[in-house]
C-alpha atoms as a PDB file:
ATOM      1  CA  UNK A   1       0.022  -0.007   0.168  1.00  0.00           C
ATOM      2  CA  UNK A   2       2.792   2.326   0.782  1.00  0.00           C
ATOM      3  CA  UNK A   3       4.375   1.890  -2.623  1.00  0.00           C
ATOM      4  CA  UNK A   4       0.947   2.550  -4.322  1.00  0.00           C
ATOM      5  CA  UNK A   5       0.657   5.771  -2.248  1.00  0.00           C
ATOM      6  CA  UNK A   6       4.039   6.903  -3.257  1.00  0.00           C
ATOM      7  CA  UNK A   7       3.354   6.301  -6.938  1.00  0.00           C
ATOM      8  CA  UNK A   8      -0.058   8.089  -6.644  1.00  0.00           C
ATOM      9  CA  UNK A   9       1.635  11.049  -5.070  1.00  0.00           C
ATOM     10  CA  UNK A  10       4.300  11.209  -7.640  1.00  0.00           C
ATOM     11  CA  UNK A  11       1.645  11.014 -10.602  1.00  0.00           C
ATOM     12  CA  UNK A  12      -0.576  13.479  -9.100  1.00  0.00           C
ATOM     13  CA  UNK A  13       1.388  16.656  -9.646  1.00  0.00           C
ATOM     14  CA  UNK A  14       1.891  15.584 -13.348  1.00  0.00           C
ATOM     15  CA  UNK A  15      -1.979  14.933 -13.704  1.00  0.00           C
ATOM     16  CA  UNK A  16      -2.515  18.433 -12.388  1.00  0.00           C
ATOM     17  CA  UNK A  17      -0.379  20.007 -14.983  1.00  0.00           C
ATOM     18  CA  UNK A  18      -2.175  18.517 -17.896  1.00  0.00           C
ATOM     19  CA  UNK A  19      -5.105  21.028 -18.024  1.00  0.00           C
ATOM     20  CA  UNK A  20      -2.506  23.896 -17.854  1.00  0.00           C
ATOM     21  CA  UNK A  21      -0.308  22.301 -20.595  1.00  0.00           C
ATOM     22  CA  UNK A  22      -3.382  22.051 -22.661  1.00  0.00           C
ATOM     23  CA  UNK A  23      -4.668  25.461 -21.948  1.00  0.00           C
ATOM     24  CA  UNK A  24      -1.327  27.117 -22.758  1.00  0.00           C
ATOM     25  CA  UNK A  25      -0.700  25.092 -25.845  1.00  0.00           C
ATOM     26  CA  UNK A  26      -4.210  26.114 -27.099  1.00  0.00           C
ATOM     27  CA  UNK A  27      -3.352  29.878 -26.389  1.00  0.00           C
ATOM     28  CA  UNK A  28      -0.177  29.550 -28.181  1.00  0.00           C
ATOM     29  CA  UNK A  29      -1.851  28.089 -31.249  1.00  0.00           C
ATOM     30  CA  UNK A  30      -4.453  30.944 -31.446  1.00  0.00           C
ATOM     31  CA  UNK A  31      -1.785  33.590 -30.906  1.00  0.00           C
ATOM     32  CA  UNK A  32       0.759  32.132 -33.217  1.00  0.00           C
ATOM     33  CA  UNK A  33      -1.757  31.410 -36.207  1.00  0.00           C
ATOM     34  CA  UNK A  34      -3.751  34.623 -35.823  1.00  0.00           C
ATOM     35  CA  UNK A  35      -0.287  36.539 -35.897  1.00  0.00           C
ATOM     36  CA  UNK A  36       0.889  34.653 -38.922  1.00  0.00           C
ATOM     37  CA  UNK A  37      -2.423  35.465 -40.813  1.00  0.00           C
ATOM     38  CA  UNK A  38      -2.139  39.209 -39.872  1.00  0.00           C
ATOM     39  CA  UNK A  39       1.418  39.478 -41.016  1.00  0.00           C
ATOM     40  CA  UNK A  40       0.397  37.707 -44.467  1.00  0.00           C
ATOM     41  CA  UNK A  41      -2.170  40.617 -44.761  1.00  0.00           C
ATOM     42  CA  UNK A  42       0.796  42.543 -46.130  1.00  0.00           C
ATOM     43  CA  UNK A  43       3.742  39.923 -46.677  1.00  0.00           C
ATOM     44  CA  UNK A  44       4.360  38.326 -49.983  1.00  0.00           C
ATOM     45  CA  UNK A  45       4.026  34.363 -49.576  1.00  0.00           C
ATOM     46  CA  UNK A  46       6.675  32.511 -51.460  1.00  0.00           C
ATOM     47  CA  UNK A  47       6.671  28.997 -49.673  1.00  0.00           C
ATOM     48  CA  UNK A  48       3.564  26.988 -48.981  1.00  0.00           C
ATOM     49  CA  UNK A  49       3.101  23.594 -47.767  1.00  0.00           C
ATOM     50  CA  UNK A  50       1.507  22.612 -51.179  1.00  0.00           C
ATOM     51  CA  UNK A  51       4.737  23.364 -53.019  1.00  0.00           C
ATOM     52  CA  UNK A  52       6.676  21.147 -50.853  1.00  0.00           C
ATOM     53  CA  UNK A  53       4.169  18.347 -50.587  1.00  0.00           C
ATOM     54  CA  UNK A  54       4.094  18.200 -54.616  1.00  0.00           C
ATOM     55  CA  UNK A  55       7.680  18.312 -54.804  1.00  0.00           C
ATOM     56  CA  UNK A  56       7.981  15.231 -52.444  1.00  0.00           C
ATOM     57  CA  UNK A  57       5.267  13.429 -54.442  1.00  0.00           C
ATOM     58  CA  UNK A  58       7.074  13.923 -57.732  1.00  0.00           C
ATOM     59  CA  UNK A  59      10.302  12.716 -56.128  1.00  0.00           C
ATOM     60  CA  UNK A  60       8.855   9.641 -54.664  1.00  0.00           C
ATOM     61  CA  UNK A  61       7.226   8.855 -58.249  1.00  0.00           C
ATOM     62  CA  UNK A  62      10.676   9.135 -59.632  1.00  0.00           C
ATOM     63  CA  UNK A  63       9.945  12.287 -61.479  1.00  0.00           C
ATOM     64  CA  UNK A  64      11.886  15.692 -61.642  1.00  0.00           C
ATOM     65  CA  UNK A  65       9.607  18.518 -61.791  1.00  0.00           C
ATOM     66  CA  UNK A  66      11.094  22.049 -61.748  1.00  0.00           C
ATOM     67  CA  UNK A  67       9.240  24.613 -59.738  1.00  0.00           C
ATOM     68  CA  UNK A  68       7.948  27.713 -61.484  1.00  0.00           C
ATOM     69  CA  UNK A  69       6.649  30.295 -58.962  1.00  0.00           C
ATOM     70  CA  UNK A  70       6.582  34.031 -58.893  1.00  0.00           C
ATOM     71  CA  UNK A  71       4.947  36.395 -56.745  1.00  0.00           C
ATOM     72  CA  UNK A  72       3.219  39.735 -58.217  1.00  0.00           C
ATOM     73  CA  UNK A  73       0.788  42.065 -56.897  1.00  0.00           C
ATOM     74  CA  UNK A  74      -3.000  41.966 -58.058  1.00  0.00           C
ATOM     75  CA  UNK A  75      -2.560  45.339 -59.983  1.00  0.00           C
ATOM     76  CA  UNK A  76      -0.116  43.229 -62.244  1.00  0.00           C
ATOM     77  CA  UNK A  77      -2.459  40.450 -62.771  1.00  0.00           C
ATOM     78  CA  UNK A  78      -4.970  40.550 -65.752  1.00  0.00           C
ATOM     79  CA  UNK A  79      -8.614  41.611 -64.566  1.00  0.00           C
ATOM     80  CA  UNK A  80      -9.778  38.856 -67.021  1.00  0.00           C
ATOM     81  CA  UNK A  81      -8.156  36.347 -64.796  1.00  0.00           C
ATOM     82  CA  UNK A  82      -9.311  37.663 -61.652  1.00  0.00           C
ATOM     83  CA  UNK A  83     -13.040  37.649 -62.913  1.00  0.00           C
ATOM     84  CA  UNK A  84     -12.631  34.339 -64.561  1.00  0.00           C
ATOM     85  CA  UNK A  85     -11.512  32.411 -61.413  1.00  0.00           C
ATOM     86  CA  UNK A  86     -14.358  34.119 -59.395  1.00  0.00           C
ATOM     87  CA  UNK A  87     -16.870  32.882 -62.147  1.00  0.00           C
ATOM     88  CA  UNK A  88     -15.288  29.482 -62.088  1.00  0.00           C
ATOM     89  CA  UNK A  89     -14.597  28.711 -58.373  1.00  0.00           C
ATOM     90  CA  UNK A  90     -16.604  30.988 -56.340  1.00  0.00           C
ATOM     91  CA  UNK A  91     -19.544  33.153 -57.939  1.00  0.00           C
ATOM     92  CA  UNK A  92     -20.498  34.523 -54.465  1.00  0.00           C
ATOM     93  CA  UNK A  93     -16.849  35.364 -53.370  1.00  0.00           C
ATOM     94  CA  UNK A  94     -17.577  39.184 -52.943  1.00  0.00           C
ATOM     95  CA  UNK A  95     -20.857  38.649 -51.082  1.00  0.00           C
ATOM     96  CA  UNK A  96     -20.073  35.800 -48.695  1.00  0.00           C
ATOM     97  CA  UNK A  97     -17.924  35.728 -45.366  1.00  0.00           C
ATOM     98  CA  UNK A  98     -15.842  32.740 -46.427  1.00  0.00           C
ATOM     99  CA  UNK A  99     -18.502  29.935 -46.671  1.00  0.00           C
ATOM    100  CA  UNK A 100     -21.056  29.245 -49.301  1.00  0.00           C
ATOM    101  CA  UNK A 101     -23.585  27.297 -47.362  1.00  0.00           C
ATOM    102  CA  UNK A 102     -25.973  26.996 -50.251  1.00  0.00           C
ATOM    103  CA  UNK A 103     -23.109  25.418 -52.224  1.00  0.00           C
ATOM    104  CA  UNK A 104     -22.252  23.209 -49.359  1.00  0.00           C
ATOM    105  CA  UNK A 105     -25.899  21.913 -48.976  1.00  0.00           C
ATOM    106  CA  UNK A 106     -26.059  21.361 -52.644  1.00  0.00           C
ATOM    107  CA  UNK A 107     -22.846  19.288 -52.538  1.00  0.00           C
ATOM    108  CA  UNK A 108     -23.858  17.182 -49.562  1.00  0.00           C
ATOM    109  CA  UNK A 109     -27.051  16.383 -51.262  1.00  0.00           C
ATOM    110  CA  UNK A 110     -25.349  15.667 -54.655  1.00  0.00           C
ATOM    111  CA  UNK A 111     -22.474  13.424 -53.066  1.00  0.00           C
ATOM    112  CA  UNK A 112     -25.210  10.958 -51.655  1.00  0.00           C
ATOM    113  CA  UNK A 113     -25.813  10.024 -55.328  1.00  0.00           C
ATOM    114  CA  UNK A 114     -22.316  10.288 -56.761  1.00  0.00           C
ATOM    115  CA  UNK A 115     -19.197   8.419 -56.669  1.00  0.00           C
ATOM    116  CA  UNK A 116     -17.005  11.168 -57.691  1.00  0.00           C
ATOM    117  CA  UNK A 117     -17.474  13.661 -54.782  1.00  0.00           C
ATOM    118  CA  UNK A 118     -18.297  17.212 -55.387  1.00  0.00           C
ATOM    119  CA  UNK A 119     -16.623  19.907 -53.731  1.00  0.00           C
ATOM    120  CA  UNK A 120     -18.070  23.205 -52.434  1.00  0.00           C
ATOM    121  CA  UNK A 121     -14.729  25.330 -51.255  1.00  0.00           C
ATOM    122  CA  UNK A 122     -14.871  28.866 -51.631  1.00  0.00           C
ATOM    123  CA  UNK A 123     -11.830  30.929 -52.803  1.00  0.00           C
ATOM    124  CA  UNK A 124     -11.066  31.843 -49.203  1.00  0.00           C
ATOM    125  CA  UNK A 125     -11.116  28.113 -48.115  1.00  0.00           C
ATOM    126  CA  UNK A 126      -8.837  27.065 -50.851  1.00  0.00           C
ATOM    127  CA  UNK A 127      -6.576  29.973 -49.960  1.00  0.00           C
ATOM    128  CA  UNK A 128      -6.513  28.755 -46.260  1.00  0.00           C
ATOM    129  CA  UNK A 129      -5.724  25.187 -47.497  1.00  0.00           C
ATOM    130  CA  UNK A 130      -2.954  26.161 -49.921  1.00  0.00           C
ATOM    131  CA  UNK A 131      -1.257  28.570 -47.907  1.00  0.00           C
ATOM    132  CA  UNK A 132      -1.375  26.888 -44.248  1.00  0.00           C
ATOM    133  CA  UNK A 133      -2.488  23.384 -44.736  1.00  0.00           C
ATOM    134  CA  UNK A 134      -2.200  20.128 -46.873  1.00  0.00           C
ATOM    135  CA  UNK A 135      -4.280  18.409 -49.524  1.00  0.00           C
ATOM    136  CA  UNK A 136      -6.391  15.890 -47.596  1.00  0.00           C
ATOM    137  CA  UNK A 137     -10.167  14.911 -47.003  1.00  0.00           C
ATOM    138  CA  UNK A 138      -9.905  14.379 -43.250  1.00  0.00           C
ATOM    139  CA  UNK A 139     -12.164  15.995 -40.696  1.00  0.00           C
ATOM    140  CA  UNK A 140      -9.090  17.511 -38.939  1.00  0.00           C
ATOM    141  CA  UNK A 141      -7.939  19.162 -42.081  1.00  0.00           C
ATOM    142  CA  UNK A 142     -11.326  20.436 -42.944  1.00  0.00           C
ATOM    143  CA  UNK A 143     -11.668  21.746 -39.318  1.00  0.00           C
ATOM    144  CA  UNK A 144      -8.550  23.591 -39.583  1.00  0.00           C
ATOM    145  CA  UNK A 145      -9.567  24.967 -43.105  1.00  0.00           C
ATOM    146  CA  UNK A 146     -12.575  26.411 -41.534  1.00  0.00           C
ATOM    147  CA  UNK A 147     -10.522  27.843 -38.636  1.00  0.00           C
ATOM    148  CA  UNK A 148      -8.137  29.579 -40.813  1.00  0.00           C
ATOM    149  CA  UNK A 149     -10.943  30.738 -43.334  1.00  0.00           C
ATOM    150  CA  UNK A 150     -12.559  32.648 -40.339  1.00  0.00           C
ATOM    151  CA  UNK A 151      -9.065  34.336 -39.541  1.00  0.00           C
ATOM    152  CA  UNK A 152      -8.369  35.278 -43.336  1.00  0.00           C
ATOM    153  CA  UNK A 153     -11.877  36.858 -43.621  1.00  0.00           C
ATOM    154  CA  UNK A 154     -11.334  38.825 -40.399  1.00  0.00           C
ATOM    155  CA  UNK A 155      -7.756  40.102 -41.252  1.00  0.00           C
ATOM    156  CA  UNK A 156      -7.763  40.271 -45.037  1.00  0.00           C
ATOM    157  CA  UNK A 157     -10.206  42.104 -47.381  1.00  0.00           C
ATOM    158  CA  UNK A 158     -11.397  40.555 -50.472  1.00  0.00           C
ATOM    159  CA  UNK A 159      -8.923  42.075 -52.727  1.00  0.00           C
ATOM    160  CA  UNK A 160      -5.990  40.570 -50.623  1.00  0.00           C
ATOM    161  CA  UNK A 161      -7.696  37.176 -50.367  1.00  0.00           C
ATOM    162  CA  UNK A 162      -7.780  37.132 -54.199  1.00  0.00           C
ATOM    163  CA  UNK A 163      -4.277  38.368 -54.719  1.00  0.00           C
ATOM    164  CA  UNK A 164      -2.955  35.460 -52.450  1.00  0.00           C
ATOM    165  CA  UNK A 165      -5.128  33.052 -54.082  1.00  0.00           C
ATOM    166  CA  UNK A 166      -3.794  33.847 -57.595  1.00  0.00           C
ATOM    167  CA  UNK A 167      -0.290  33.767 -56.427  1.00  0.00           C
ATOM    168  CA  UNK A 168      -0.322  30.278 -54.843  1.00  0.00           C
ATOM    169  CA  UNK A 169      -2.756  28.161 -56.935  1.00  0.00           C
ATOM    170  CA  UNK A 170      -1.261  25.228 -58.901  1.00  0.00           C
ATOM    171  CA  UNK A 171      -1.651  25.844 -62.646  1.00  0.00           C
ATOM    172  CA  UNK A 172       0.353  22.778 -63.972  1.00  0.00           C
ATOM    173  CA  UNK A 173       3.026  20.389 -62.821  1.00  0.00           C
ATOM    174  CA  UNK A 174       5.439  22.486 -60.790  1.00  0.00           C
ATOM    175  CA  UNK A 175       3.694  25.687 -61.840  1.00  0.00           C
ATOM    176  CA  UNK A 176       2.231  27.983 -58.988  1.00  0.00           C
ATOM    177  CA  UNK A 177       0.571  31.185 -59.352  1.00  0.00           C
ATOM    178  CA  UNK A 178      -0.668  33.399 -62.219  1.00  0.00           C
ATOM    179  CA  UNK A 179       2.557  35.196 -62.990  1.00  0.00           C
ATOM    180  CA  UNK A 180       4.581  31.770 -63.311  1.00  0.00           C
ATOM    181  CA  UNK A 181       1.652  30.107 -65.316  1.00  0.00           C
ATOM    182  CA  UNK A 182       1.305  33.089 -67.813  1.00  0.00           C
ATOM    183  CA  UNK A 183       5.019  32.935 -68.388  1.00  0.00           C
ATOM    184  CA  UNK A 184       5.313  29.114 -68.567  1.00  0.00           C
ATOM    185  CA  UNK A 185       2.309  28.586 -71.047  1.00  0.00           C
ATOM    186  CA  UNK A 186       1.883  31.909 -72.925  1.00  0.00           C
ATOM    187  CA  UNK A 187       5.422  33.624 -72.697  1.00  0.00           C
ATOM    188  CA  UNK A 188       4.012  36.765 -71.404  1.00  0.00           C
ATOM    189  CA  UNK A 189       3.279  38.395 -67.930  1.00  0.00           C
ATOM    190  CA  UNK A 190      -0.032  37.770 -66.057  1.00  0.00           C
ATOM    191  CA  UNK A 191      -0.964  41.327 -66.601  1.00  0.00           C
ATOM    192  CA  UNK A 192      -1.278  40.781 -70.388  1.00  0.00           C
ATOM    193  CA  UNK A 193      -3.407  37.667 -70.398  1.00  0.00           C
ATOM    194  CA  UNK A 194      -6.367  37.823 -72.764  1.00  0.00           C
ATOM    195  CA  UNK A 195      -9.850  37.130 -72.002  1.00  0.00           C
ATOM    196  CA  UNK A 196      -9.804  33.815 -73.662  1.00  0.00           C
ATOM    197  CA  UNK A 197      -6.522  32.800 -72.028  1.00  0.00           C
ATOM    198  CA  UNK A 198      -7.700  33.710 -68.695  1.00  0.00           C
ATOM    199  CA  UNK A 199     -10.759  31.723 -68.933  1.00  0.00           C
ATOM    200  CA  UNK A 200      -8.846  28.542 -70.074  1.00  0.00           C
ATOM    201  CA  UNK A 201      -6.563  29.008 -66.913  1.00  0.00           C
ATOM    202  CA  UNK A 202      -9.665  29.174 -64.746  1.00  0.00           C
ATOM    203  CA  UNK A 203     -11.217  26.118 -66.498  1.00  0.00           C
ATOM    204  CA  UNK A 204      -8.260  23.783 -65.600  1.00  0.00           C
ATOM    205  CA  UNK A 205      -8.266  24.843 -61.948  1.00  0.00           C
ATOM    206  CA  UNK A 206     -10.091  21.544 -60.884  1.00  0.00           C
ATOM    207  CA  UNK A 207      -7.271  19.422 -62.058  1.00  0.00           C
ATOM    208  CA  UNK A 208      -4.418  21.516 -63.311  1.00  0.00           C
ATOM    209  CA  UNK A 209      -1.926  18.859 -63.178  1.00  0.00           C
ATOM    210  CA  UNK A 210      -4.092  16.728 -65.794  1.00  0.00           C
ATOM    211  CA  UNK A 211      -5.133  19.529 -68.133  1.00  0.00           C
ATOM    212  CA  UNK A 212      -3.202  22.089 -70.237  1.00  0.00           C
ATOM    213  CA  UNK A 213      -4.831  25.455 -71.122  1.00  0.00           C
ATOM    214  CA  UNK A 214      -2.938  25.423 -74.470  1.00  0.00           C
ATOM    215  CA  UNK A 215      -4.252  21.869 -75.289  1.00  0.00           C
ATOM    216  CA  UNK A 216      -7.963  22.088 -73.929  1.00  0.00           C
ATOM    217  CA  UNK A 217     -10.176  18.742 -73.940  1.00  0.00           C
ATOM    218  CA  UNK A 218     -13.741  19.006 -74.633  1.00  0.00           C
ATOM    219  CA  UNK A 219     -14.235  19.116 -70.971  1.00  0.00           C
ATOM    220  CA  UNK A 220     -12.206  21.994 -70.436  1.00  0.00           C
ATOM    221  CA  UNK A 221     -13.898  23.719 -73.408  1.00  0.00           C
ATOM    222  CA  UNK A 222     -17.173  23.002 -71.646  1.00  0.00           C
ATOM    223  CA  UNK A 223     -15.945  24.452 -68.482  1.00  0.00           C
ATOM    224  CA  UNK A 224     -14.648  27.661 -70.248  1.00  0.00           C
ATOM    225  CA  UNK A 225     -18.263  28.028 -71.826  1.00  0.00           C
ATOM    226  CA  UNK A 226     -19.573  27.526 -68.211  1.00  0.00           C
ATOM    227  CA  UNK A 227     -17.400  30.319 -66.924  1.00  0.00           C
ATOM    228  CA  UNK A 228     -18.527  32.607 -69.727  1.00  0.00           C
ATOM    229  CA  UNK A 229     -22.215  32.016 -68.667  1.00  0.00           C
ATOM    230  CA  UNK A 230     -21.392  32.786 -65.160  1.00  0.00           C
ATOM    231  CA  UNK A 231     -19.632  35.937 -66.175  1.00  0.00           C
ATOM    232  CA  UNK A 232     -22.459  37.055 -68.101  1.00  0.00           C
ATOM    233  CA  UNK A 233     -24.958  36.337 -65.248  1.00  0.00           C
ATOM    234  CA  UNK A 234     -22.688  38.092 -62.742  1.00  0.00           C
ATOM    235  CA  UNK A 235     -22.288  41.239 -64.878  1.00  0.00           C
ATOM    236  CA  UNK A 236     -19.482  43.673 -64.762  1.00  0.00           C
ATOM    237  CA  UNK A 237     -20.846  45.740 -61.984  1.00  0.00           C
ATOM    238  CA  UNK A 238     -20.406  42.843 -59.714  1.00  0.00           C
ATOM    239  CA  UNK A 239     -16.709  42.896 -59.836  1.00  0.00           C
ATOM    240  CA  UNK A 240     -16.416  46.614 -59.223  1.00  0.00           C
ATOM    241  CA  UNK A 241     -15.370  46.251 -55.450  1.00  0.00           C
ATOM    242  CA  UNK A 242     -12.165  44.753 -56.637  1.00  0.00           C
ATOM    243  CA  UNK A 243     -11.309  47.860 -58.835  1.00  0.00           C
ATOM    244  CA  UNK A 244     -12.658  50.395 -56.124  1.00  0.00           C
ATOM    245  CA  UNK A 245     -10.418  49.125 -53.284  1.00  0.00           C
END
């Protein structure tokens, strides 16, 4: 009995520290992530987990894929591309607070009947995933994505969110961001992308490692036509907040 009492007496202080460790670890997580998101409101983002993960994946497959990645301000990215990606990925981007609950409900309903699951991530959610997290469909990753989405919508304006998104999105094997993609495919800066080129870029976003904007498949062309219809429905005035910022 004496041995048991001594063991319990030794373990008790350790057990009493666990709630404090959990509390301060949680505080440290919230403070560090909030500060990082706040700093990224102004600082260019050159390295992301997505780039590192893709590089490792290519290496494990025995492939050498060079990285093409440049940062440029939103003023130097064609307005055609800005509008096309919104029409393609998130038509309610300028009016929601990070989550499109109607799109989520539609996706949940459709996925009950589909083998290939339909996504409903907004541009803000995709930015959160690409900048801070990793490609995965786990509940933990989705929970963290929602958390970072709230932080991004709190600290950044829509113009900054779109700027970061257009600088970190994957647009081909080893190709990240609008500037690098425009130079890689069209041999021109992102500012000079035509309406047609911009719409083809937006059309390949669901699977940029498989599709090529210079060699569009019939499916990519159908997506381009879908984007054109969305642009017509949204109207030019919808995008005015981006130019007025």
